[in-house]
């Protein structure tokens, strides 16, 4: 059994026991989160919501808060002696899928 869940505008495939990396959530480590379910598939049966499946939810447990890889942005203009570099690291939350459906 698996489900497609929605979290802050992004979609993830989730099955019980999976670990997902989401954008930073305002929750303590060990807390549980509920996610909206867009699709539930259980063997031969598939339920598709419009936009969400009625009565279905996914429970996620917060494992840790991390930071992603550093991304470097470079802007260059030829013949101007102009090279600007910026960078950032995304704040992420690692969650484990407890239940789906």
N, C-alpha and C. Protein backbone atom coordinates (compact mmCIF):
# COMPACT_ATOMS: atom_id res chain seq x y z
N UNK A 1 0.85 -1.17 0.00
CA UNK A 1 0.00 0.00 0.00
C UNK A 1 0.89 1.23 0.00
N UNK A 2 0.54 2.19 -0.85
CA UNK A 2 1.25 3.45 -0.86
C UNK A 2 0.27 4.57 -1.16
N UNK A 3 0.74 5.80 -0.96
CA UNK A 3 -0.11 6.96 -1.21
C UNK A 3 0.75 8.09 -1.78
N UNK A 4 0.11 8.98 -2.48
CA UNK A 4 0.75 10.22 -2.91
C UNK A 4 0.23 11.28 -1.96
N UNK A 5 1.16 11.92 -1.22
CA UNK A 5 0.76 12.93 -0.25
C UNK A 5 1.21 14.30 -0.70
N UNK A 6 0.57 15.31 -0.16
CA UNK A 6 0.90 16.69 -0.49
C UNK A 6 1.38 17.40 0.78
N UNK A 7 2.50 18.09 0.66
CA UNK A 7 3.03 18.85 1.78
C UNK A 7 3.57 20.17 1.27
N UNK A 8 2.91 21.24 1.59
CA UNK A 8 3.32 22.59 1.21
C UNK A 8 3.62 22.73 -0.26
N UNK A 9 2.70 22.23 -1.11
CA UNK A 9 2.82 22.42 -2.54
C UNK A 9 3.67 21.40 -3.27
N UNK A 10 4.23 20.44 -2.56
CA UNK A 10 5.03 19.40 -3.21
C UNK A 10 4.38 18.05 -2.96
N UNK A 11 4.58 17.13 -3.89
CA UNK A 11 3.98 15.81 -3.79
C UNK A 11 5.05 14.75 -3.59
N UNK A 12 4.75 13.76 -2.74
CA UNK A 12 5.68 12.70 -2.42
C UNK A 12 4.97 11.35 -2.46
N UNK A 13 5.70 10.31 -2.85
CA UNK A 13 5.17 8.94 -2.79
C UNK A 13 5.56 8.39 -1.43
N UNK A 14 4.57 7.93 -0.66
CA UNK A 14 4.82 7.50 0.70
C UNK A 14 4.22 6.13 0.95
N UNK A 15 5.00 5.26 1.57
CA UNK A 15 4.55 3.95 2.03
C UNK A 15 4.97 3.83 3.50
N UNK A 16 4.24 3.06 4.30
CA UNK A 16 4.63 2.92 5.71
C UNK A 16 6.08 2.46 5.86
N UNK A 17 6.83 3.16 6.71
CA UNK A 17 8.24 2.84 6.94
C UNK A 17 9.20 3.66 6.11
N UNK A 18 8.72 4.38 5.10
CA UNK A 18 9.60 5.21 4.27
C UNK A 18 10.08 6.44 5.04
N UNK A 19 11.27 6.91 4.68
CA UNK A 19 11.77 8.18 5.22
C UNK A 19 11.78 9.19 4.09
N UNK A 20 11.21 10.36 4.35
CA UNK A 20 11.12 11.44 3.36
C UNK A 20 11.84 12.66 3.88
N UNK A 21 12.38 13.44 2.97
CA UNK A 21 13.01 14.71 3.31
C UNK A 21 12.12 15.83 2.79
N UNK A 22 11.53 16.59 3.71
CA UNK A 22 10.60 17.67 3.38
C UNK A 22 11.24 19.01 3.68
N UNK A 23 10.59 20.08 3.23
CA UNK A 23 11.00 21.41 3.66
C UNK A 23 10.82 21.53 5.16
N UNK A 24 11.53 22.46 5.79
CA UNK A 24 11.52 22.59 7.24
C UNK A 24 10.11 22.76 7.78
N UNK A 25 9.75 21.91 8.74
CA UNK A 25 8.44 21.97 9.40
C UNK A 25 8.62 22.57 10.79
N UNK A 26 7.64 23.30 11.23
CA UNK A 26 7.67 23.89 12.57
C UNK A 26 7.16 22.88 13.59
N UNK A 27 7.91 21.81 13.80
CA UNK A 27 7.53 20.76 14.73
C UNK A 27 8.78 20.26 15.43
N UNK A 28 8.60 19.83 16.67
CA UNK A 28 9.72 19.30 17.45
C UNK A 28 10.05 17.88 16.97
N UNK A 29 11.27 17.44 17.24
CA UNK A 29 11.67 16.08 16.92
C UNK A 29 10.84 15.13 17.77
N UNK A 30 10.25 14.13 17.13
CA UNK A 30 9.39 13.18 17.82
C UNK A 30 7.90 13.49 17.69
N UNK A 31 7.57 14.68 17.19
CA UNK A 31 6.17 15.06 17.00
C UNK A 31 5.60 14.37 15.77
N UNK A 32 4.28 14.33 15.66
CA UNK A 32 3.64 13.73 14.50
C UNK A 32 2.95 14.81 13.68
N UNK A 33 2.96 14.62 12.38
CA UNK A 33 2.32 15.53 11.44
C UNK A 33 1.30 14.76 10.63
N UNK A 34 0.25 15.44 10.18
CA UNK A 34 -0.72 14.84 9.29
C UNK A 34 -0.57 15.47 7.91
N UNK A 35 -0.59 14.63 6.88
CA UNK A 35 -0.47 15.12 5.51
C UNK A 35 -1.74 14.77 4.74
N UNK A 36 -2.08 15.62 3.78
CA UNK A 36 -3.25 15.37 2.95
C UNK A 36 -2.89 14.36 1.87
N UNK A 37 -3.86 13.49 1.55
CA UNK A 37 -3.62 12.38 0.63
C UNK A 37 -4.32 12.67 -0.71
N UNK A 38 -3.56 12.59 -1.79
CA UNK A 38 -4.09 12.82 -3.13
C UNK A 38 -4.51 11.52 -3.81
N UNK A 39 -3.82 10.42 -3.50
CA UNK A 39 -4.08 9.13 -4.14
C UNK A 39 -3.70 8.02 -3.17
N UNK A 40 -4.52 6.97 -3.14
CA UNK A 40 -4.21 5.79 -2.33
C UNK A 40 -4.28 4.57 -3.24
N UNK A 41 -3.21 3.76 -3.24
CA UNK A 41 -3.17 2.55 -4.05
C UNK A 41 -2.91 1.37 -3.13
N UNK A 42 -3.79 0.36 -3.24
CA UNK A 42 -3.66 -0.84 -2.41
C UNK A 42 -3.84 -2.06 -3.32
N UNK A 43 -2.76 -2.51 -3.89
CA UNK A 43 -2.84 -3.66 -4.81
C UNK A 43 -3.54 -3.27 -6.09
N UNK A 44 -4.74 -3.85 -6.33
CA UNK A 44 -5.47 -3.60 -7.56
C UNK A 44 -6.40 -2.40 -7.48
N UNK A 45 -6.67 -1.90 -6.27
CA UNK A 45 -7.59 -0.76 -6.12
C UNK A 45 -6.82 0.54 -5.99
N UNK A 46 -7.31 1.53 -6.67
CA UNK A 46 -6.70 2.86 -6.62
C UNK A 46 -7.81 3.88 -6.38
N UNK A 47 -7.63 4.72 -5.36
CA UNK A 47 -8.59 5.79 -5.09
C UNK A 47 -7.91 7.11 -5.38
N UNK A 48 -8.51 7.89 -6.25
CA UNK A 48 -7.98 9.20 -6.63
C UNK A 48 -8.91 10.26 -6.09
N UNK A 49 -8.37 11.25 -5.41
CA UNK A 49 -9.18 12.31 -4.84
C UNK A 49 -9.36 13.46 -5.81
N UNK A 50 -10.26 14.35 -5.46
CA UNK A 50 -10.48 15.53 -6.29
C UNK A 50 -10.66 16.75 -5.39
N UNK A 51 -9.66 17.38 -4.87
CA UNK A 51 -8.24 17.05 -5.01
C UNK A 51 -7.74 16.05 -3.97
N UNK A 52 -8.45 15.86 -2.84
CA UNK A 52 -7.97 14.96 -1.79
C UNK A 52 -8.93 13.78 -1.63
N UNK A 53 -8.40 12.65 -1.19
CA UNK A 53 -9.21 11.46 -0.94
C UNK A 53 -9.95 11.67 0.37
N UNK A 54 -11.27 11.53 0.33
CA UNK A 54 -12.10 11.75 1.52
C UNK A 54 -11.80 10.69 2.58
N UNK A 55 -11.56 11.14 3.80
CA UNK A 55 -11.35 10.23 4.91
C UNK A 55 -9.96 9.62 5.00
N UNK A 56 -9.08 9.95 4.10
CA UNK A 56 -7.72 9.38 4.12
C UNK A 56 -6.74 10.41 4.66
N UNK A 57 -5.76 9.94 5.43
CA UNK A 57 -4.69 10.81 5.90
C UNK A 57 -3.43 9.99 6.09
N UNK A 58 -2.32 10.68 6.08
CA UNK A 58 -1.02 10.05 6.31
C UNK A 58 -0.43 10.66 7.56
N UNK A 59 0.11 9.82 8.42
CA UNK A 59 0.73 10.28 9.66
C UNK A 59 2.24 10.17 9.51
N UNK A 60 2.92 11.28 9.79
CA UNK A 60 4.37 11.36 9.65
C UNK A 60 4.99 11.68 11.01
N UNK A 61 6.09 11.03 11.34
CA UNK A 61 6.80 11.28 12.59
C UNK A 61 8.11 12.00 12.27
N UNK A 62 8.37 13.12 12.95
CA UNK A 62 9.58 13.91 12.70
C UNK A 62 10.77 13.19 13.33
N UNK A 63 11.77 12.89 12.48
CA UNK A 63 12.98 12.21 12.93
C UNK A 63 14.09 13.21 13.28
N UNK A 64 14.35 14.17 12.39
CA UNK A 64 15.41 15.15 12.64
C UNK A 64 15.25 16.36 11.73
N UNK A 65 15.98 17.41 12.06
CA UNK A 65 16.06 18.61 11.23
C UNK A 65 17.48 18.70 10.70
N UNK A 66 17.63 18.92 9.40
CA UNK A 66 18.95 18.98 8.78
C UNK A 66 19.02 20.17 7.83
N UNK A 67 20.16 20.29 7.18
CA UNK A 67 20.34 21.29 6.14
C UNK A 67 20.82 20.57 4.88
N UNK A 68 20.39 21.07 3.73
CA UNK A 68 20.73 20.45 2.46
C UNK A 68 22.13 20.81 1.99
N UNK A 69 22.45 20.38 0.79
CA UNK A 69 23.73 20.71 0.18
C UNK A 69 23.80 22.21 -0.11
N UNK A 70 25.01 22.75 -0.08
CA UNK A 70 25.18 24.16 -0.39
C UNK A 70 25.07 24.37 -1.89
N UNK A 71 24.27 25.35 -2.28
CA UNK A 71 24.06 25.67 -3.69
C UNK A 71 24.74 27.01 -3.96
N UNK A 72 25.61 27.04 -4.95
CA UNK A 72 26.34 28.27 -5.30
C UNK A 72 25.70 28.87 -6.54
N UNK A 73 25.41 30.15 -6.46
CA UNK A 73 24.86 30.89 -7.59
C UNK A 73 25.91 31.91 -8.01
N UNK A 74 26.33 31.85 -9.26
CA UNK A 74 27.33 32.78 -9.77
C UNK A 74 26.73 33.58 -10.91
N UNK A 75 26.92 34.90 -10.86
CA UNK A 75 26.45 35.77 -11.94
C UNK A 75 27.68 36.47 -12.52
N UNK A 76 27.83 36.39 -13.82
CA UNK A 76 29.01 36.89 -14.49
C UNK A 76 28.60 37.76 -15.66
N UNK A 77 29.27 38.90 -15.81
CA UNK A 77 29.06 39.76 -16.98
C UNK A 77 30.40 39.92 -17.66
N UNK A 78 30.45 39.55 -18.91
CA UNK A 78 31.73 39.58 -19.61
C UNK A 78 32.22 41.01 -19.81
N UNK A 79 33.52 41.16 -19.79
CA UNK A 79 34.23 42.42 -20.00
C UNK A 79 33.89 43.49 -18.97
N UNK A 80 33.29 43.16 -17.86
CA UNK A 80 32.92 44.16 -16.86
C UNK A 80 33.65 43.94 -15.54
N UNK A 81 34.48 42.91 -15.44
CA UNK A 81 35.15 42.56 -14.19
C UNK A 81 34.13 42.40 -13.07
N UNK A 82 33.05 41.73 -13.42
CA UNK A 82 31.95 41.60 -12.48
C UNK A 82 31.62 40.11 -12.32
N UNK A 83 31.98 39.56 -11.18
CA UNK A 83 31.62 38.19 -10.85
C UNK A 83 31.06 38.21 -9.43
N UNK A 84 29.78 37.91 -9.31
CA UNK A 84 29.14 37.89 -8.00
C UNK A 84 28.76 36.45 -7.67
N UNK A 85 29.03 36.05 -6.43
CA UNK A 85 28.69 34.71 -5.99
C UNK A 85 27.81 34.80 -4.75
N UNK A 86 26.75 34.03 -4.76
CA UNK A 86 25.88 33.89 -3.60
C UNK A 86 25.65 32.40 -3.40
N UNK A 87 25.19 32.04 -2.23
CA UNK A 87 24.88 30.65 -1.98
C UNK A 87 23.87 30.51 -0.87
N UNK A 88 23.29 29.33 -0.75
CA UNK A 88 22.36 29.07 0.34
C UNK A 88 22.29 27.58 0.59
N UNK A 89 21.82 27.21 1.79
CA UNK A 89 21.56 25.82 2.15
C UNK A 89 20.12 25.75 2.62
N UNK A 90 19.35 24.86 2.03
CA UNK A 90 17.94 24.71 2.39
C UNK A 90 17.82 24.03 3.75
N UNK A 91 16.85 24.49 4.55
CA UNK A 91 16.55 23.87 5.83
C UNK A 91 15.54 22.76 5.59
N UNK A 92 15.83 21.55 6.05
CA UNK A 92 15.02 20.38 5.75
C UNK A 92 14.59 19.65 7.02
N UNK A 93 13.55 18.84 6.89
CA UNK A 93 13.07 18.00 7.97
C UNK A 93 12.97 16.57 7.45
N UNK A 94 13.54 15.61 8.18
CA UNK A 94 13.45 14.21 7.82
C UNK A 94 12.31 13.60 8.63
N UNK A 95 11.36 12.97 7.92
CA UNK A 95 10.20 12.36 8.57
C UNK A 95 10.11 10.89 8.17
N UNK A 96 9.44 10.11 9.02
CA UNK A 96 9.17 8.72 8.73
C UNK A 96 7.66 8.55 8.61
N UNK A 97 7.23 7.84 7.58
CA UNK A 97 5.81 7.60 7.36
C UNK A 97 5.36 6.49 8.30
N UNK A 98 4.41 6.80 9.19
CA UNK A 98 3.92 5.83 10.15
C UNK A 98 2.73 5.06 9.59
N UNK A 99 1.69 5.80 9.16
CA UNK A 99 0.51 5.16 8.59
C UNK A 99 0.07 5.89 7.32
N UNK A 100 -0.55 5.14 6.44
CA UNK A 100 -1.09 5.71 5.21
C UNK A 100 -2.49 5.14 5.02
N UNK A 101 -3.42 6.00 4.61
CA UNK A 101 -4.76 5.50 4.33
C UNK A 101 -5.71 6.14 5.17
